[in-house]
Every structure is written in C-alpha cells, then in structure tokens.
Amino acid sequence: MRVSADCRGTYRTLVTDTVFPDGCVLAQLATSADGPGYGMRKLNGSWTYFQLGARGGVLAAGALPSCAGCHAQAPADHVFGLPREIVDSR
C-alpha cells in the first residue's frame, strides 16, 4: 500500500470514523504484470478515484462509479479495513 507522507500517521492509526486530511493519496499498485492498480485522493473533503495500469499510468480517474459506490460504505472516511504495510517510496 502506498500512502502519501502527509497522511501516513492517520492511516497507521485507522479506526472507525477516522477522517483523512485533504491531500491524502492512498494507492494499491498492480500485483501482477497485467493487473490494474487502484488509488484515491482526497481534495476539498471529497475522494476521487483512479485506476492504474501495470506500469503506473492512469487508465481512468474521477468519481469512478465502481470505486465510489463501494467506498461509500467504508467505515472510515471511505477507507476499508486495517492498515496494510506501507511501502516507503521516497
């Protein structure tokens, strides 16, 4: 899981009702050579979603219905589950 530096602390302490600050970016990169990756970015209090190609290029972005519909049900500011290991990509 890739998490922007400005919200790593928030992500690491994720619990129900956690609210992420604007500017946060969360991304799960492709796990196979041909599989997509996914990400989300919070701006002005709202999340936008993006789908990434295997090489990291953006394939689609915005209020992607399949992403937005599912993440609207998440218990912590549109984010699901316990934190995953964060990959430091400095």
PDB file of N, CA and C in Angstrom:
ATOM      1  N   MET A   1       0.845  -1.166   0.000  1.00  0.00           N
ATOM      2  CA  MET A   1       0.000   0.000   0.000  1.00  0.00           C
ATOM      3  C   MET A   1       0.892   1.230   0.000  1.00  0.00           C
ATOM      4  N   ARG A   2       0.628   2.156  -0.881  1.00  0.00           N
ATOM      5  CA  ARG A   2       1.361   3.425  -0.938  1.00  0.00           C
ATOM      6  C   ARG A   2       0.478   4.493  -0.293  1.00  0.00           C
ATOM      7  N   VAL A   3       1.053   5.234   0.609  1.00  0.00           N
ATOM      8  CA  VAL A   3       0.319   6.275   1.338  1.00  0.00           C
ATOM      9  C   VAL A   3       1.157   7.541   1.316  1.00  0.00           C
ATOM     10  N   SER A   4       0.545   8.650   0.940  1.00  0.00           N
ATOM     11  CA  SER A   4       1.296   9.899   0.898  1.00  0.00           C
ATOM     12  C   SER A   4       1.783  10.249   2.303  1.00  0.00           C
ATOM     13  N   ALA A   5       2.932  10.895   2.364  1.00  0.00           N
ATOM     14  CA  ALA A   5       3.584  11.193   3.639  1.00  0.00           C
ATOM     15  C   ALA A   5       2.687  11.969   4.594  1.00  0.00           C
ATOM     16  N   ASP A   6       1.867  12.863   4.072  1.00  0.00           N
ATOM     17  CA  ASP A   6       1.041  13.709   4.928  1.00  0.00           C
ATOM     18  C   ASP A   6      -0.091  12.968   5.630  1.00  0.00           C
ATOM     19  N   CYS A   7      -0.357  11.730   5.253  1.00  0.00           N
ATOM     20  CA  CYS A   7      -1.432  11.012   5.950  1.00  0.00           C
ATOM     21  C   CYS A   7      -1.016   9.625   6.427  1.00  0.00           C
ATOM     22  N   ARG A   8       0.265   9.357   6.491  1.00  0.00           N
ATOM     23  CA  ARG A   8       0.727   8.051   6.989  1.00  0.00           C
ATOM     24  C   ARG A   8       0.329   7.830   8.437  1.00  0.00           C
ATOM     25  N   GLY A   9       0.436   8.851   9.261  1.00  0.00           N
ATOM     26  CA  GLY A   9       0.041   8.718  10.667  1.00  0.00           C
ATOM     27  C   GLY A   9      -1.434   8.401  10.809  1.00  0.00           C
ATOM     28  N   THR A  10      -2.262   9.066  10.021  1.00  0.00           N
ATOM     29  CA  THR A  10      -3.697   8.812  10.043  1.00  0.00           C
ATOM     30  C   THR A  10      -3.986   7.387   9.588  1.00  0.00           C
ATOM     31  N   TYR A  11      -3.326   6.955   8.544  1.00  0.00           N
ATOM     32  CA  TYR A  11      -3.535   5.602   8.022  1.00  0.00           C
ATOM     33  C   TYR A  11      -3.093   4.547   9.035  1.00  0.00           C
ATOM     34  N   ARG A  12      -1.961   4.771   9.661  1.00  0.00           N
ATOM     35  CA  ARG A  12      -1.435   3.780  10.614  1.00  0.00           C
ATOM     36  C   ARG A  12      -2.323   3.619  11.837  1.00  0.00           C
ATOM     37  N   THR A  13      -3.118   4.629  12.170  1.00  0.00           N
ATOM     38  CA  THR A  13      -3.993   4.565  13.341  1.00  0.00           C
ATOM     39  C   THR A  13      -5.460   4.465  12.938  1.00  0.00           C
ATOM     40  N   LEU A  14      -5.727   3.955  11.749  1.00  0.00           N
ATOM     41  CA  LEU A  14      -7.068   3.855  11.193  1.00  0.00           C
ATOM     42  C   LEU A  14      -8.019   3.090  12.105  1.00  0.00           C
ATOM     43  N   VAL A  15      -9.117   3.727  12.449  1.00  0.00           N
ATOM     44  CA  VAL A  15     -10.212   3.106  13.197  1.00  0.00           C
ATOM     45  C   VAL A  15     -11.521   3.631  12.601  1.00  0.00           C
ATOM     46  N   THR A  16     -12.635   3.053  13.008  1.00  0.00           N
ATOM     47  CA  THR A  16     -13.931   3.545  12.554  1.00  0.00           C
ATOM     48  C   THR A  16     -14.034   5.035  12.836  1.00  0.00           C
ATOM     49  N   ASP A  17     -14.552   5.774  11.895  1.00  0.00           N
ATOM     50  CA  ASP A  17     -14.760   7.225  11.977  1.00  0.00           C
ATOM     51  C   ASP A  17     -13.484   8.053  11.838  1.00  0.00           C
ATOM     52  N   THR A  18     -12.361   7.439  11.456  1.00  0.00           N
ATOM     53  CA  THR A  18     -11.164   8.208  11.136  1.00  0.00           C
ATOM     54  C   THR A  18     -11.490   9.133   9.971  1.00  0.00           C
ATOM     55  N   VAL A  19     -10.974  10.358   9.999  1.00  0.00           N
ATOM     56  CA  VAL A  19     -11.148  11.289   8.897  1.00  0.00           C
ATOM     57  C   VAL A  19      -9.759  11.672   8.393  1.00  0.00           C
ATOM     58  N   PHE A  20      -9.532  11.480   7.107  1.00  0.00           N
ATOM     59  CA  PHE A  20      -8.253  11.806   6.499  1.00  0.00           C
ATOM     60  C   PHE A  20      -8.229  13.274   6.086  1.00  0.00           C
ATOM     61  N   PRO A  21      -7.070  13.922   6.194  1.00  0.00           N
ATOM     62  CA  PRO A  21      -6.963  15.316   5.760  1.00  0.00           C
ATOM     63  C   PRO A  21      -6.925  15.429   4.236  1.00  0.00           C
ATOM     64  N   ASP A  22      -7.289  16.598   3.747  1.00  0.00           N
ATOM     65  CA  ASP A  22      -7.177  16.865   2.313  1.00  0.00           C
ATOM     66  C   ASP A  22      -5.739  16.663   1.857  1.00  0.00           C
ATOM     67  N   GLY A  23      -5.590  16.181   0.650  1.00  0.00           N
ATOM     68  CA  GLY A  23      -4.276  15.943   0.074  1.00  0.00           C
ATOM     69  C   GLY A  23      -3.810  14.515   0.185  1.00  0.00           C
ATOM     70  N   CYS A  24      -4.482  13.697   0.982  1.00  0.00           N
ATOM     71  CA  CYS A  24      -4.082  12.294   1.141  1.00  0.00           C
ATOM     72  C   CYS A  24      -4.227  11.536  -0.161  1.00  0.00           C
ATOM     73  N   VAL A  25      -3.256  10.678  -0.420  1.00  0.00           N
ATOM     74  CA  VAL A  25      -3.311   9.770  -1.558  1.00  0.00           C
ATOM     75  C   VAL A  25      -3.026   8.369  -1.029  1.00  0.00           C
ATOM     76  N   LEU A  26      -3.913   7.429  -1.349  1.00  0.00           N
ATOM     77  CA  LEU A  26      -3.751   6.029  -0.997  1.00  0.00           C
ATOM     78  C   LEU A  26      -3.758   5.248  -2.306  1.00  0.00           C
ATOM     79  N   ALA A  27      -2.819   4.332  -2.481  1.00  0.00           N
ATOM     80  CA  ALA A  27      -2.766   3.573  -3.734  1.00  0.00           C
ATOM     81  C   ALA A  27      -2.310   2.149  -3.484  1.00  0.00           C
ATOM     82  N   GLN A  28      -2.965   1.239  -4.159  1.00  0.00           N
ATOM     83  CA  GLN A  28      -2.562  -0.164  -4.190  1.00  0.00           C
ATOM     84  C   GLN A  28      -2.113  -0.434  -5.615  1.00  0.00           C
ATOM     85  N   LEU A  29      -0.828  -0.620  -5.803  1.00  0.00           N
ATOM     86  CA  LEU A  29      -0.297  -0.817  -7.146  1.00  0.00           C
ATOM     87  C   LEU A  29      -0.625  -2.209  -7.659  1.00  0.00           C
ATOM     88  N   ALA A  30      -0.487  -2.399  -8.951  1.00  0.00           N
ATOM     89  CA  ALA A  30      -0.763  -3.686  -9.576  1.00  0.00           C
ATOM     90  C   ALA A  30       0.046  -4.782  -8.901  1.00  0.00           C
ATOM     91  N   THR A  31      -0.588  -5.922  -8.709  1.00  0.00           N
ATOM     92  CA  THR A  31       0.094  -7.056  -8.078  1.00  0.00           C
ATOM     93  C   THR A  31       0.547  -8.096  -9.088  1.00  0.00           C
ATOM     94  N   SER A  32       0.241  -7.869 -10.369  1.00  0.00           N
ATOM     95  CA  SER A  32       0.699  -8.770 -11.423  1.00  0.00           C
ATOM     96  C   SER A  32       1.083  -7.936 -12.639  1.00  0.00           C
ATOM     97  N   ALA A  33       1.749  -8.565 -13.584  1.00  0.00           N
ATOM     98  CA  ALA A  33       2.242  -7.852 -14.757  1.00  0.00           C
ATOM     99  C   ALA A  33       1.126  -7.245 -15.601  1.00  0.00           C
ATOM    100  N   ASP A  34      -0.055  -7.822 -15.567  1.00  0.00           N
ATOM    101  CA  ASP A  34      -1.148  -7.301 -16.377  1.00  0.00           C
ATOM    102  C   ASP A  34      -2.323  -6.782 -15.555  1.00  0.00           C
ATOM    103  N   GLY A  35      -2.209  -6.849 -14.236  1.00  0.00           N
ATOM    104  CA  GLY A  35      -3.309  -6.415 -13.383  1.00  0.00           C
ATOM    105  C   GLY A  35      -3.304  -4.921 -13.140  1.00  0.00           C
ATOM    106  N   PRO A  36      -4.472  -4.354 -12.879  1.00  0.00           N
ATOM    107  CA  PRO A  36      -4.544  -2.923 -12.595  1.00  0.00           C
ATOM    108  C   PRO A  36      -4.212  -2.628 -11.143  1.00  0.00           C
ATOM    109  N   GLY A  37      -3.910  -1.376 -10.880  1.00  0.00           N
ATOM    110  CA  GLY A  37      -3.768  -0.870  -9.529  1.00  0.00           C
ATOM    111  C   GLY A  37      -4.872   0.150  -9.319  1.00  0.00           C
ATOM    112  N   TYR A  38      -5.062   0.549  -8.083  1.00  0.00           N
ATOM    113  CA  TYR A  38      -6.135   1.488  -7.767  1.00  0.00           C
ATOM    114  C   TYR A  38      -5.636   2.505  -6.755  1.00  0.00           C
ATOM    115  N   GLY A  39      -6.252   3.664  -6.773  1.00  0.00           N
ATOM    116  CA  GLY A  39      -5.883   4.679  -5.813  1.00  0.00           C
ATOM    117  C   GLY A  39      -7.014   5.650  -5.573  1.00  0.00           C
ATOM    118  N   MET A  40      -6.816   6.484  -4.568  1.00  0.00           N
ATOM    119  CA  MET A  40      -7.788   7.502  -4.226  1.00  0.00           C
ATOM    120  C   MET A  40      -7.071   8.709  -3.648  1.00  0.00           C
ATOM    121  N   ARG A  41      -7.627   9.892  -3.911  1.00  0.00           N
ATOM    122  CA  ARG A  41      -7.031  11.136  -3.436  1.00  0.00           C
ATOM    123  C   ARG A  41      -8.137  12.020  -2.884  1.00  0.00           C
ATOM    124  N   LYS A  42      -7.887  12.600  -1.715  1.00  0.00           N
ATOM    125  CA  LYS A  42      -8.888  13.455  -1.087  1.00  0.00           C
ATOM    126  C   LYS A  42      -8.547  14.921  -1.327  1.00  0.00           C
ATOM    127  N   LEU A  43      -9.497  15.641  -1.918  1.00  0.00           N
ATOM    128  CA  LEU A  43      -9.377  17.077  -2.159  1.00  0.00           C
ATOM    129  C   LEU A  43     -10.693  17.756  -1.825  1.00  0.00           C
ATOM    130  N   ASN A  44     -10.606  18.860  -1.125  1.00  0.00           N
ATOM    131  CA  ASN A  44     -11.802  19.622  -0.750  1.00  0.00           C
ATOM    132  C   ASN A  44     -12.851  18.764  -0.054  1.00  0.00           C
ATOM    133  N   GLY A  45     -12.382  17.831   0.780  1.00  0.00           N
ATOM    134  CA  GLY A  45     -13.280  16.994   1.563  1.00  0.00           C
ATOM    135  C   GLY A  45     -13.887  15.820   0.824  1.00  0.00           C
ATOM    136  N   SER A  46     -13.555  15.633  -0.448  1.00  0.00           N
ATOM    137  CA  SER A  46     -14.106  14.533  -1.238  1.00  0.00           C
ATOM    138  C   SER A  46     -12.993  13.692  -1.846  1.00  0.00           C
ATOM    139  N   TRP A  47     -13.287  12.413  -2.018  1.00  0.00           N
ATOM    140  CA  TRP A  47     -12.330  11.497  -2.621  1.00  0.00           C
ATOM    141  C   TRP A  47     -12.585  11.375  -4.117  1.00  0.00           C
ATOM    142  N   THR A  48     -11.514  11.329  -4.889  1.00  0.00           N
ATOM    143  CA  THR A  48     -11.580  10.944  -6.287  1.00  0.00           C
ATOM    144  C   THR A  48     -10.787   9.646  -6.406  1.00  0.00           C
ATOM    145  N   TYR A  49     -11.123   8.869  -7.391  1.00  0.00           N
ATOM    146  CA  TYR A  49     -10.538   7.539  -7.539  1.00  0.00           C
ATOM    147  C   TYR A  49      -9.817   7.436  -8.866  1.00  0.00           C
ATOM    148  N   PHE A  50      -8.847   6.544  -8.938  1.00  0.00           N
ATOM    149  CA  PHE A  50      -8.151   6.330 -10.192  1.00  0.00           C
ATOM    150  C   PHE A  50      -7.752   4.876 -10.328  1.00  0.00           C
ATOM    151  N   GLN A  51      -7.723   4.424 -11.561  1.00  0.00           N
ATOM    152  CA  GLN A  51      -7.273   3.077 -11.892  1.00  0.00           C
ATOM    153  C   GLN A  51      -5.945   3.226 -12.613  1.00  0.00           C
ATOM    154  N   LEU A  52      -4.985   2.398 -12.214  1.00  0.00           N
ATOM    155  CA  LEU A  52      -3.638   2.468 -12.772  1.00  0.00           C
ATOM    156  C   LEU A  52      -3.330   1.232 -13.595  1.00  0.00           C
ATOM    157  N   GLY A  53      -2.593   1.428 -14.679  1.00  0.00           N
ATOM    158  CA  GLY A  53      -2.098   0.310 -15.462  1.00  0.00           C
ATOM    159  C   GLY A  53      -0.949  -0.360 -14.731  1.00  0.00           C
ATOM    160  N   ALA A  54      -0.527  -1.493 -15.220  1.00  0.00           N
ATOM    161  CA  ALA A  54       0.547  -2.266 -14.586  1.00  0.00           C
ATOM    162  C   ALA A  54       1.842  -1.474 -14.470  1.00  0.00           C
ATOM    163  N   ARG A  55       2.064  -0.508 -15.367  1.00  0.00           N
ATOM    164  CA  ARG A  55       3.279   0.315 -15.326  1.00  0.00           C
ATOM    165  C   ARG A  55       3.065   1.639 -14.597  1.00  0.00           C
ATOM    166  N   GLY A  56       1.896   1.829 -13.987  1.00  0.00           N
ATOM    167  CA  GLY A  56       1.646   3.017 -13.178  1.00  0.00           C
ATOM    168  C   GLY A  56       0.915   4.148 -13.867  1.00  0.00           C
ATOM    169  N   GLY A  57       0.663   4.036 -15.176  1.00  0.00           N
ATOM    170  CA  GLY A  57      -0.071   5.084 -15.881  1.00  0.00           C
ATOM    171  C   GLY A  57      -1.538   5.098 -15.484  1.00  0.00           C
ATOM    172  N   VAL A  58      -2.145   6.278 -15.467  1.00  0.00           N
ATOM    173  CA  VAL A  58      -3.550   6.412 -15.097  1.00  0.00           C
ATOM    174  C   VAL A  58      -4.428   5.975 -16.269  1.00  0.00           C
ATOM    175  N   LEU A  59      -5.294   4.993 -16.022  1.00  0.00           N
ATOM    176  CA  LEU A  59      -6.211   4.488 -17.036  1.00  0.00           C
ATOM    177  C   LEU A  59      -7.562   5.199 -16.969  1.00  0.00           C
ATOM    178  N   ALA A  60      -7.993   5.559 -15.769  1.00  0.00           N
ATOM    179  CA  ALA A  60      -9.267   6.245 -15.564  1.00  0.00           C
ATOM    180  C   ALA A  60      -9.177   6.993 -14.240  1.00  0.00           C
ATOM    181  N   ALA A  61      -9.879   8.117 -14.138  1.00  0.00           N
ATOM    182  CA  ALA A  61      -9.847   8.908 -12.906  1.00  0.00           C
ATOM    183  C   ALA A  61     -11.148   9.676 -12.737  1.00  0.00           C
ATOM    184  N   GLY A  62     -11.456  10.020 -11.495  1.00  0.00           N
ATOM    185  CA  GLY A  62     -12.634  10.820 -11.190  1.00  0.00           C
ATOM    186  C   GLY A  62     -13.532  10.103 -10.208  1.00  0.00           C
ATOM    187  N   ALA A  63     -14.823  10.353 -10.319  1.00  0.00           N
ATOM    188  CA  ALA A  63     -15.807   9.708  -9.451  1.00  0.00           C
ATOM    189  C   ALA A  63     -16.199   8.374 -10.084  1.00  0.00           C
ATOM    190  N   LEU A  64     -15.252   7.471 -10.192  1.00  0.00           N
ATOM    191  CA  LEU A  64     -15.489   6.177 -10.846  1.00  0.00           C
ATOM    192  C   LEU A  64     -16.591   5.431 -10.094  1.00  0.00           C
ATOM    193  N   PRO A  65     -17.708   5.139 -10.754  1.00  0.00           N
ATOM    194  CA  PRO A  65     -18.860   4.554 -10.071  1.00  0.00           C
ATOM    195  C   PRO A  65     -18.555   3.271  -9.298  1.00  0.00           C
ATOM    196  N   SER A  66     -17.758   2.382  -9.884  1.00  0.00           N
ATOM    197  CA  SER A  66     -17.474   1.124  -9.193  1.00  0.00           C
ATOM    198  C   SER A  66     -16.662   1.353  -7.921  1.00  0.00           C
ATOM    199  N   CYS A  67     -15.785   2.319  -7.925  1.00  0.00           N
ATOM    200  CA  CYS A  67     -14.981   2.634  -6.737  1.00  0.00           C
ATOM    201  C   CYS A  67     -15.808   3.421  -5.723  1.00  0.00           C
ATOM    202  N   ALA A  68     -16.436   4.498  -6.187  1.00  0.00           N
ATOM    203  CA  ALA A  68     -17.176   5.390  -5.300  1.00  0.00           C
ATOM    204  C   ALA A  68     -18.331   4.673  -4.604  1.00  0.00           C
ATOM    205  N   GLY A  69     -19.045   3.831  -5.334  1.00  0.00           N
ATOM    206  CA  GLY A  69     -20.174   3.119  -4.743  1.00  0.00           C
ATOM    207  C   GLY A  69     -19.757   2.201  -3.611  1.00  0.00           C
ATOM    208  N   CYS A  70     -18.697   1.482  -3.809  1.00  0.00           N
ATOM    209  CA  CYS A  70     -18.212   0.555  -2.784  1.00  0.00           C
ATOM    210  C   CYS A  70     -17.605   1.317  -1.606  1.00  0.00           C
ATOM    211  N   HIS A  71     -16.735   2.276  -1.899  1.00  0.00           N
ATOM    212  CA  HIS A  71     -16.050   3.007  -0.828  1.00  0.00           C
ATOM    213  C   HIS A  71     -16.990   3.885  -0.004  1.00  0.00           C
ATOM    214  N   ALA A  72     -18.167   4.227  -0.530  1.00  0.00           N
ATOM    215  CA  ALA A  72     -19.156   4.981   0.245  1.00  0.00           C
ATOM    216  C   ALA A  72     -19.625   4.186   1.459  1.00  0.00           C
ATOM    217  N   GLN A  73     -19.447   2.872   1.428  1.00  0.00           N
ATOM    218  CA  GLN A  73     -19.869   2.002   2.527  1.00  0.00           C
ATOM    219  C   GLN A  73     -18.768   1.758   3.559  1.00  0.00           C
ATOM    220  N   ALA A  74     -17.586   2.292   3.331  1.00  0.00           N
ATOM    221  CA  ALA A  74     -16.454   2.055   4.233  1.00  0.00           C
ATOM    222  C   ALA A  74     -16.683   2.752   5.578  1.00  0.00           C
ATOM    223  N   PRO A  75     -16.191   2.162   6.653  1.00  0.00           N
ATOM    224  CA  PRO A  75     -16.426   2.713   7.986  1.00  0.00           C
ATOM    225  C   PRO A  75     -15.534   3.892   8.369  1.00  0.00           C
ATOM    226  N   ALA A  76     -14.493   4.159   7.597  1.00  0.00           N
ATOM    227  CA  ALA A  76     -13.544   5.203   7.999  1.00  0.00           C
ATOM    228  C   ALA A  76     -13.228   6.113   6.818  1.00  0.00           C
ATOM    229  N   ASP A  77     -14.040   7.126   6.603  1.00  0.00           N
ATOM    230  CA  ASP A  77     -13.789   8.127   5.562  1.00  0.00           C
ATOM    231  C   ASP A  77     -13.483   7.494   4.203  1.00  0.00           C
ATOM    232  N   HIS A  78     -14.341   6.557   3.811  1.00  0.00           N
ATOM    233  CA  HIS A  78     -14.253   5.876   2.513  1.00  0.00           C
ATOM    234  C   HIS A  78     -13.069   4.909   2.421  1.00  0.00           C
ATOM    235  N   VAL A  79     -12.450   4.563   3.530  1.00  0.00           N
ATOM    236  CA  VAL A  79     -11.314   3.637   3.560  1.00  0.00           C
ATOM    237  C   VAL A  79     -11.720   2.390   4.340  1.00  0.00           C
ATOM    238  N   PHE A  80     -11.413   1.234   3.782  1.00  0.00           N
ATOM    239  CA  PHE A  80     -11.749  -0.050   4.391  1.00  0.00           C
ATOM    240  C   PHE A  80     -10.585  -0.630   5.185  1.00  0.00           C
ATOM    241  N   GLY A  81     -10.923  -1.461   6.149  1.00  0.00           N
ATOM    242  CA  GLY A  81     -10.009  -2.399   6.760  1.00  0.00           C
ATOM    243  C   GLY A  81      -8.869  -1.855   7.583  1.00  0.00           C
ATOM    244  N   LEU A  82      -8.161  -2.799   8.128  1.00  0.00           N
ATOM    245  CA  LEU A  82      -6.978  -2.469   8.912  1.00  0.00           C
ATOM    246  C   LEU A  82      -5.875  -1.986   7.987  1.00  0.00           C
ATOM    247  N   PRO A  83      -5.002  -1.132   8.477  1.00  0.00           N
ATOM    248  CA  PRO A  83      -3.891  -0.666   7.645  1.00  0.00           C
ATOM    249  C   PRO A  83      -3.050  -1.825   7.131  1.00  0.00           C
ATOM    250  N   ARG A  84      -2.600  -1.694   5.892  1.00  0.00           N
ATOM    251  CA  ARG A  84      -1.671  -2.654   5.300  1.00  0.00           C
ATOM    252  C   ARG A  84      -0.272  -2.084   5.436  1.00  0.00           C
ATOM    253  N   GLU A  85       0.710  -2.908   5.169  1.00  0.00           N
ATOM    254  CA  GLU A  85       2.090  -2.447   5.201  1.00  0.00           C
ATOM    255  C   GLU A  85       2.258  -1.291   4.221  1.00  0.00           C
ATOM    256  N   ILE A  86       2.914  -0.250   4.668  1.00  0.00           N
ATOM    257  CA  ILE A  86       3.159   0.911   3.826  1.00  0.00           C
ATOM    258  C   ILE A  86       4.533   0.773   3.185  1.00  0.00           C
ATOM    259  N   VAL A  87       4.589   0.952   1.885  1.00  0.00           N
ATOM    260  CA  VAL A  87       5.858   0.923   1.155  1.00  0.00           C
ATOM    261  C   VAL A  87       6.371   2.358   1.091  1.00  0.00           C
ATOM    262  N   ASP A  88       7.543   2.590   1.623  1.00  0.00           N
ATOM    263  CA  ASP A  88       8.134   3.917   1.592  1.00  0.00           C
ATOM    264  C   ASP A  88       8.818   4.121   0.247  1.00  0.00           C
ATOM    265  N   SER A  89       8.301   5.047  -0.539  1.00  0.00           N
ATOM    266  CA  SER A  89       8.801   5.229  -1.899  1.00  0.00           C
ATOM    267  C   SER A  89       9.507   6.572  -2.080  1.00  0.00           C
ATOM    268  N   ARG A  90      10.242   6.991  -1.104  1.00  0.00           N
ATOM    269  CA  ARG A  90      10.942   8.292  -1.202  1.00  0.00           C
ATOM    270  C   ARG A  90      11.925   8.306  -2.319  1.00  0.00           C
TER     271      ARG A  90
END
